[in-house]
Structure formats: C-alpha cells, structure tokens
Amino acid sequence: MKRELMGLIVKREDGSEIVNYDNPAFPSYIYDGWIAPKVTWERVPHFHEDIEILTVKEGKMAYCVNGKVYELYEGDTIVVNANQIHYSICVDDTLAKYVIFVVHPSILTASVVVELQAIRPFLDDPDLPCLRFRRINEFSKEMYDLVVQLPDVRNDAFEITKRFYLIWDLILKKSRAIGAAVEDASADPHMQSFKVMMAYIAGAYRESVTLEKIAASAHVSKSLCNHLFHQYVGESPISYVMHLRARKVAEYLRSGSAPLSEIADLTGFSGVSYLSETFRKFFGCSPRAYRKQWAAIAREE
C-alpha cells in the first residue's frame, strides 16, 4: 500500500479507481476504517473491476450505487458488483466505523469451470449492481463475521483467498435467495454516457469546463446531462467539477510542499482565494490547516 494515498480515491482518466492494494502483487485492499463529515473519501463517485464489500461495525452510513442510496446500520454489509458507479455517504453528520474489502474477482478464477459456473453469472448480471445483507437477514451474521476478521489477515494472501471463497459462497446464496435481483435497481441504459462524461471531466478539469462541453462529450442534451449527474452523484455537473478540483488540491497538499499558487494553476483554479473558498466548502477547513493536519499524521507514522 502507498501510505501517501491513504484516504484518497485516485482515478484513471476514464473515471475508474486505481485501487491502492495492500500488496501490488495481490489484488486485495482491506481497511478497518471510518467515515465522518467532509473526509476526502466521502461522496467520491468511482467504479472499478474489483468487488467492493463493506460491513458496518458501529453507527450508520449509506452507499450510493448507480444513483440509488442504501442505508447501512451496524451489522449490515453491502457488496458492490464490478464496474458500478458508487460512493460512501456520511449520514446525519455522525461517525461510522466499518471494514472494507476491495478485491479483484480474478483471485477466484484459477479454474475456467469455476469462473463460468460461479463467478461470471454474478459479475455479468446487469440487474445485480449490489447486494445488501441487512443485519436481520439470512446469511448476514456469517458475512459480518467473515468481513470483520479480514484486517487480521490482510497480509496473508492464502488466508484472504480462503475467506474470499467463503464470502463468495454467501454472495451466491443471497443472490439466489432473492431471485438473482429483485431487491435492487436494474442497470440504467444511460450509465455508459455518464461514465463518458466522468472521463471527459477527469481529463479536462484544469481547463474551462462548461455544462455544454460536458454534455457534448457524451452526445447528450444539457438537460439529460444535468439529470444524470443528479441521479448518479447527487450534484450538478459543475458542482462535480469543483468537487473533483478540491480533491485534487487535497492530493497535492498531502504529497508535497508546493505553494498554493502553484496548486491553483495545477488544479484549474483562477487564484488562491477561489481555491481556498472552494476547498473549505467541501472539506470544512482551509488548505493550510489540511496540510498541517496530514503532516502531523505523517510524523506520527
């Protein structure tokens, strides 16, 4: 794991996340984490080829998957399928604690027969964007116990693989129990258009980005563009651009000592004042206070 990227969701130009695996040679990320208001990993829409599994240990939070919000309470688990647009949400401005397991399904596909019989049917089902294991449902206690123990073996590839097979067995049982997807929303035919617009913004956020340019990148109308952003990420296209710029500022603040004027140039802001105002809006503190906070954390490590 790259420590300088902890707490940040780093994305490729197409909007997919570059998962910060615990071991670059083994595609698994396990973290005993938390979410609170205005942290850098809240409300960051992204997608990846990995399966994302999150179990709530304490408090309550929510996950947005393809525009649908799922509330999660202590004991609940959500499984997000590959390539779905998702992000975490802090609920009622309260802190929640969880264990997250982001893992590439290739770990389970050593056998082509197993892949075709037990892996691809779930991954390729357009009507299964996610599964939610409520604390009162069948299989939820078994899922909770498996996930919350993962941090103890995060550096043991064999143990992770063994437990992932057990987790996958529960995923298959749950999906069969609900008839393969009656609980959750069906795939949206406009999702690909939204991903195209995310990719455009990721490559152009340093420049002058307008609603017209965003919509044109996916060949959709301005009204549909606006609708899709509100549906998938709960904010306007321009607000999404500003949020992305603020997250990029956070990356520069944590990874070096560049002056704010230089960071403003690198992230598409017209000046330091505008940068500071926007950053405070999204993260609740000034850029200088944020840099000082993370410098102190680095010294402690």
Protein backbone atom coordinates (compact mmCIF):
# COMPACT_ATOMS: atom_id res chain seq x y z
CA MET A 1 0.00 0.00 0.00
CA LYS A 2 1.13 3.55 -0.76
CA ARG A 3 0.67 5.43 2.51
CA GLU A 4 0.61 8.82 0.79
CA LEU A 5 -2.60 7.72 -0.96
CA MET A 6 -4.44 6.56 2.17
CA GLY A 7 -7.81 8.28 2.39
CA LEU A 8 -7.75 9.31 -1.26
CA ILE A 9 -9.62 7.78 -4.17
CA VAL A 10 -7.29 8.11 -7.15
CA LYS A 11 -8.87 7.62 -10.56
CA ARG A 12 -7.77 6.96 -14.11
CA GLU A 13 -8.86 9.27 -16.89
CA ASP A 14 -11.89 7.07 -17.60
CA GLY A 15 -13.10 7.58 -14.02
CA SER A 16 -12.21 4.09 -12.79
CA GLU A 17 -10.38 3.86 -9.47
CA ILE A 18 -6.75 2.84 -9.16
CA VAL A 19 -7.15 0.62 -6.10
CA ASN A 20 -4.37 1.08 -3.57
CA TYR A 21 -3.81 -2.65 -2.96
CA ASP A 22 -2.10 -3.73 0.26
CA ASN A 23 0.36 -5.71 -1.85
CA PRO A 24 0.90 -4.72 -5.51
CA ALA A 25 1.36 -8.41 -6.35
CA PHE A 26 -2.01 -9.46 -4.87
CA PRO A 27 -5.21 -7.53 -5.78
CA SER A 28 -6.75 -7.03 -2.35
CA TYR A 29 -7.31 -3.98 -0.16
CA ILE A 30 -8.54 -4.39 3.43
CA TYR A 31 -9.04 -1.49 5.79
CA ASP A 32 -10.55 -1.07 9.24
CA GLY A 33 -11.91 2.38 8.53
CA TRP A 34 -14.37 5.11 9.38
CA ILE A 35 -16.36 7.86 7.75
CA ALA A 36 -17.23 11.31 9.09
CA PRO A 37 -18.44 14.57 7.56
CA LYS A 38 -16.19 16.16 4.90
CA VAL A 39 -13.49 13.49 4.73
CA THR A 40 -11.76 13.10 1.37
CA TRP A 41 -13.18 9.63 0.70
CA GLU A 42 -16.86 10.57 1.15
CA ARG A 43 -19.09 11.19 -1.89
CA VAL A 44 -16.40 10.40 -4.46
CA PRO A 45 -18.15 8.62 -7.35
CA HIS A 46 -15.97 5.95 -8.94
CA PHE A 47 -16.03 2.44 -10.36
CA HIS A 48 -13.55 -0.42 -10.76
CA GLU A 49 -13.29 -4.03 -11.86
CA ASP A 50 -12.99 -5.10 -8.23
CA ILE A 51 -15.76 -6.29 -5.95
CA GLU A 52 -16.24 -3.89 -3.03
CA ILE A 53 -17.56 -5.25 0.26
CA LEU A 54 -18.24 -3.06 3.29
CA THR A 55 -19.50 -4.14 6.71
CA VAL A 56 -20.63 -1.57 9.29
CA LYS A 57 -19.19 -2.18 12.75
CA GLU A 58 -20.59 0.88 14.51
CA GLY A 59 -23.05 3.68 13.72
CA LYS A 60 -24.83 4.20 10.42
CA MET A 61 -23.85 5.34 6.95
CA ALA A 62 -25.02 4.90 3.36
CA TYR A 63 -23.79 3.80 -0.04
CA CYS A 64 -24.97 5.20 -3.35
CA VAL A 65 -24.83 2.62 -6.15
CA ASN A 66 -25.82 3.74 -9.64
CA GLY A 67 -27.84 6.58 -8.17
CA LYS A 68 -29.74 4.54 -5.56
CA VAL A 69 -28.94 5.15 -1.89
CA TYR A 70 -28.76 2.21 0.52
CA GLU A 71 -28.77 2.96 4.24
CA LEU A 72 -26.47 0.74 6.29
CA TYR A 73 -26.60 0.12 10.02
CA GLU A 74 -24.39 -1.75 12.48
CA GLY A 75 -24.22 -5.36 11.33
CA ASP A 76 -25.15 -4.60 7.71
CA THR A 77 -22.95 -5.45 4.72
CA ILE A 78 -23.13 -4.17 1.16
CA VAL A 79 -21.49 -5.94 -1.79
CA VAL A 80 -20.96 -3.71 -4.84
CA ASN A 81 -20.54 -5.56 -8.11
CA ALA A 82 -17.75 -4.78 -10.56
CA ASN A 83 -17.91 -1.60 -12.66
CA GLN A 84 -20.82 0.01 -10.80
CA ILE A 85 -20.73 3.74 -10.01
CA HIS A 86 -20.69 4.05 -6.23
CA TYR A 87 -19.61 6.15 -3.26
CA SER A 88 -19.97 6.26 0.51
CA ILE A 89 -22.12 8.79 2.38
CA CYS A 90 -21.92 10.11 5.92
CA VAL A 91 -25.43 10.07 7.47
CA ASP A 92 -26.70 12.67 9.96
CA ASP A 93 -23.17 14.09 10.35
CA THR A 94 -22.24 11.15 12.58
CA LEU A 95 -19.15 8.95 12.55
CA ALA A 96 -19.46 5.33 11.42
CA LYS A 97 -16.87 2.57 11.62
CA TYR A 98 -16.55 -0.23 9.11
CA VAL A 99 -14.33 -2.82 7.49
CA ILE A 100 -13.91 -2.52 3.72
CA PHE A 101 -12.66 -5.26 1.42
CA VAL A 102 -11.89 -4.33 -2.19
CA VAL A 103 -10.80 -7.39 -4.12
CA HIS A 104 -10.41 -8.40 -7.73
CA PRO A 105 -12.54 -11.43 -8.69
CA SER A 106 -9.58 -12.94 -10.56
CA ILE A 107 -8.48 -14.35 -7.20
CA LEU A 108 -11.32 -16.86 -7.54
CA THR A 109 -10.86 -17.74 -11.21
CA ALA A 110 -7.99 -20.21 -11.27
CA SER A 111 -10.38 -22.72 -12.88
CA VAL A 112 -12.28 -21.82 -16.04
CA VAL A 113 -15.10 -24.13 -14.96
CA VAL A 114 -15.48 -22.35 -11.62
CA GLU A 115 -15.33 -18.98 -13.34
CA LEU A 116 -18.10 -19.86 -15.79
CA GLN A 117 -20.32 -21.59 -13.24
CA ALA A 118 -19.95 -19.43 -10.15
CA ILE A 119 -18.20 -16.14 -10.92
CA ARG A 120 -19.28 -14.77 -14.31
CA PRO A 121 -23.04 -15.19 -13.72
CA PHE A 122 -22.85 -12.69 -10.85
CA LEU A 123 -20.32 -10.32 -12.42
CA ASP A 124 -22.15 -10.20 -15.75
CA ASP A 125 -25.68 -9.77 -14.42
CA PRO A 126 -26.76 -6.22 -15.41
CA ASP A 127 -29.57 -6.38 -12.82
CA LEU A 128 -27.24 -7.04 -9.88
CA PRO A 129 -25.41 -3.78 -9.17
CA CYS A 130 -25.14 -4.69 -5.49
CA LEU A 131 -26.38 -6.92 -2.70
CA ARG A 132 -27.29 -5.67 0.75
CA PHE A 133 -27.07 -8.02 3.73
CA ARG A 134 -29.27 -6.46 6.42
CA ARG A 135 -28.38 -7.41 9.95
CA ILE A 136 -31.69 -9.24 10.38
CA ASN A 137 -31.44 -11.22 7.12
CA GLU A 138 -30.29 -14.77 6.49
CA PHE A 139 -26.53 -15.08 5.86
CA SER A 140 -25.83 -11.61 7.32
CA LYS A 141 -24.24 -12.82 10.56
CA GLU A 142 -21.93 -15.19 8.67
CA MET A 143 -20.96 -12.38 6.29
CA TYR A 144 -20.33 -9.97 9.18
CA ASP A 145 -18.07 -12.44 10.98
CA LEU A 146 -16.01 -13.14 7.86
CA VAL A 147 -15.51 -9.49 6.88
CA VAL A 148 -14.70 -8.01 10.29
CA GLN A 149 -11.94 -10.59 10.77
CA LEU A 150 -10.22 -9.75 7.47
CA PRO A 151 -7.95 -6.99 8.89
CA ASP A 152 -6.22 -9.69 10.96
CA VAL A 153 -5.07 -11.45 7.77
CA ARG A 154 -4.64 -8.51 5.39
CA ASN A 155 -1.06 -9.51 4.57
CA ASP A 156 -1.74 -13.23 4.17
CA ALA A 157 -2.75 -13.94 0.57
CA PHE A 158 -3.69 -17.55 1.25
CA GLU A 159 -5.98 -16.66 4.17
CA ILE A 160 -7.60 -13.87 2.18
CA THR A 161 -8.24 -16.21 -0.75
CA LYS A 162 -9.72 -18.88 1.52
CA ARG A 163 -12.06 -16.38 3.17
CA PHE A 164 -12.99 -14.76 -0.12
CA TYR A 165 -14.29 -18.13 -1.33
CA LEU A 166 -16.45 -18.36 1.80
CA ILE A 167 -17.68 -14.80 1.26
CA TRP A 168 -18.44 -15.55 -2.39
CA ASP A 169 -20.46 -18.59 -1.36
CA LEU A 170 -22.66 -16.30 0.77
CA ILE A 171 -22.97 -13.84 -2.13
CA LEU A 172 -24.23 -16.63 -4.40
CA LYS A 173 -26.64 -17.92 -1.76
CA LYS A 174 -28.01 -14.41 -1.19
CA SER A 175 -28.42 -13.69 -4.91
CA ARG A 176 -30.27 -16.99 -5.40
CA ALA A 177 -32.46 -16.34 -2.37
CA ILE A 178 -33.70 -13.03 -3.81
CA GLY A 179 -34.23 -14.48 -7.27
CA ALA A 180 -30.99 -13.04 -8.68
CA ALA A 181 -32.07 -9.41 -8.42
CA VAL A 182 -35.46 -8.36 -7.25
CA GLU A 183 -34.17 -6.27 -4.36
CA ASP A 184 -32.01 -3.85 -6.25
CA ALA A 185 -32.24 -1.45 -9.17
CA SER A 186 -31.79 -2.64 -12.74
CA ALA A 187 -28.99 -1.33 -14.91
CA ASP A 188 -29.53 2.15 -16.33
CA PRO A 189 -29.05 2.38 -20.10
CA HIS A 190 -27.55 5.85 -19.60
CA MET A 191 -24.76 4.64 -17.29
CA GLN A 192 -22.21 4.46 -20.10
CA SER A 193 -22.99 8.06 -21.11
CA PHE A 194 -22.39 9.15 -17.54
CA LYS A 195 -19.06 7.28 -17.42
CA VAL A 196 -18.03 9.04 -20.65
CA MET A 197 -18.78 12.43 -19.06
CA MET A 198 -16.84 11.47 -15.93
CA ALA A 199 -13.88 10.58 -18.15
CA TYR A 200 -14.13 13.89 -20.01
CA ILE A 201 -14.12 15.87 -16.77
CA ALA A 202 -11.19 13.84 -15.38
CA GLY A 203 -9.14 14.86 -18.40
CA ALA A 204 -10.32 18.46 -18.69
CA TYR A 205 -10.91 19.70 -15.13
CA ARG A 206 -7.87 22.01 -15.29
CA GLU A 207 -9.46 23.87 -18.19
CA SER A 208 -12.65 25.87 -18.61
CA VAL A 209 -15.36 23.21 -18.26
CA THR A 210 -18.96 24.13 -19.05
CA LEU A 211 -22.24 22.25 -18.99
CA GLU A 212 -22.33 22.42 -22.79
CA LYS A 213 -18.89 20.79 -23.11
CA ILE A 214 -19.71 18.06 -20.61
CA ALA A 215 -22.95 17.17 -22.38
CA ALA A 216 -21.30 17.26 -25.81
CA SER A 217 -18.62 14.81 -24.68
CA ALA A 218 -21.29 12.07 -24.44
CA HIS A 219 -23.56 13.42 -27.19
CA VAL A 220 -26.46 14.04 -24.81
CA SER A 221 -28.59 17.10 -24.17
CA LYS A 222 -27.76 19.57 -21.40
CA SER A 223 -30.96 18.62 -19.57
CA LEU A 224 -30.14 14.89 -19.69
CA CYS A 225 -26.56 15.64 -18.62
CA ASN A 226 -27.84 17.58 -15.61
CA HIS A 227 -30.35 14.82 -14.80
CA LEU A 228 -27.71 12.07 -14.91
CA PHE A 229 -25.34 13.90 -12.58
CA HIS A 230 -28.10 14.49 -10.07
CA GLN A 231 -29.15 10.85 -10.40
CA TYR A 232 -25.73 9.28 -10.03
CA VAL A 233 -23.86 11.67 -7.74
CA GLY A 234 -26.48 13.97 -6.26
CA GLU A 235 -24.98 17.21 -7.54
CA SER A 236 -24.87 19.31 -10.68
CA PRO A 237 -22.19 18.73 -13.33
CA ILE A 238 -20.39 21.95 -12.41
CA SER A 239 -20.51 21.15 -8.69
CA TYR A 240 -19.00 17.77 -9.56
CA VAL A 241 -16.15 19.54 -11.40
CA MET A 242 -15.45 21.79 -8.40
CA HIS A 243 -15.55 18.82 -6.03
CA LEU A 244 -13.03 17.00 -8.23
CA ARG A 245 -10.73 20.03 -8.28
CA ALA A 246 -10.91 20.26 -4.48
CA ARG A 247 -9.96 16.57 -4.16
CA LYS A 248 -7.01 17.16 -6.49
CA VAL A 249 -5.93 20.03 -4.23
CA ALA A 250 -6.03 17.60 -1.29
CA GLU A 251 -3.76 15.20 -3.17
CA TYR A 252 -1.18 17.95 -3.80
CA LEU A 253 -1.37 19.16 -0.20
CA ARG A 254 -0.62 15.68 1.09
CA SER A 255 2.04 14.69 -1.40
CA GLY A 256 4.35 17.72 -1.38
CA SER A 257 5.10 21.26 -0.32
CA ALA A 258 4.10 23.18 -3.44
CA PRO A 259 2.77 26.68 -2.71
CA LEU A 260 -0.98 27.25 -3.04
CA SER A 261 -0.49 29.50 -6.06
CA GLU A 262 1.16 26.63 -7.92
CA ILE A 263 -1.51 24.16 -6.80
CA ALA A 264 -4.19 26.57 -8.04
CA ASP A 265 -2.60 26.55 -11.51
CA LEU A 266 -2.36 22.75 -11.48
CA THR A 267 -5.99 22.21 -10.49
CA GLY A 268 -7.84 24.73 -12.63
CA PHE A 269 -8.49 27.48 -10.09
CA SER A 270 -8.15 31.12 -11.09
CA GLY A 271 -6.43 32.08 -7.84
CA VAL A 272 -5.61 31.12 -4.27
CA SER A 273 -8.67 32.82 -2.78
CA TYR A 274 -11.06 30.89 -5.00
CA LEU A 275 -9.16 27.67 -4.31
CA SER A 276 -9.36 28.21 -0.55
CA GLU A 277 -13.05 29.09 -0.64
CA THR A 278 -13.92 26.01 -2.66
CA PHE A 279 -11.71 23.69 -0.60
CA ARG A 280 -13.28 24.88 2.65
CA LYS A 281 -16.77 24.30 1.21
CA PHE A 282 -16.06 20.63 0.53
CA PHE A 283 -13.64 19.73 3.34
CA GLY A 284 -14.56 22.08 6.16
CA CYS A 285 -11.11 23.58 6.72
CA SER A 286 -8.55 25.74 4.94
CA PRO A 287 -5.91 24.17 2.67
CA ARG A 288 -3.17 25.23 5.09
CA ALA A 289 -4.94 23.59 8.04
CA TYR A 290 -5.45 20.43 5.99
CA ARG A 291 -1.76 20.28 5.05
CA LYS A 292 -0.72 20.78 8.67
CA GLN A 293 -3.12 18.06 9.83
CA TRP A 294 -1.73 15.45 7.44
CA ALA A 295 1.88 16.47 8.05
CA ALA A 296 1.28 15.71 11.75
CA ILE A 297 -0.16 12.30 10.88
CA ALA A 298 2.87 11.53 8.70
CA ARG A 299 5.23 12.40 11.56
CA GLU A 300 3.36 10.09 13.93
CA GLU A 301 3.75 7.22 11.47
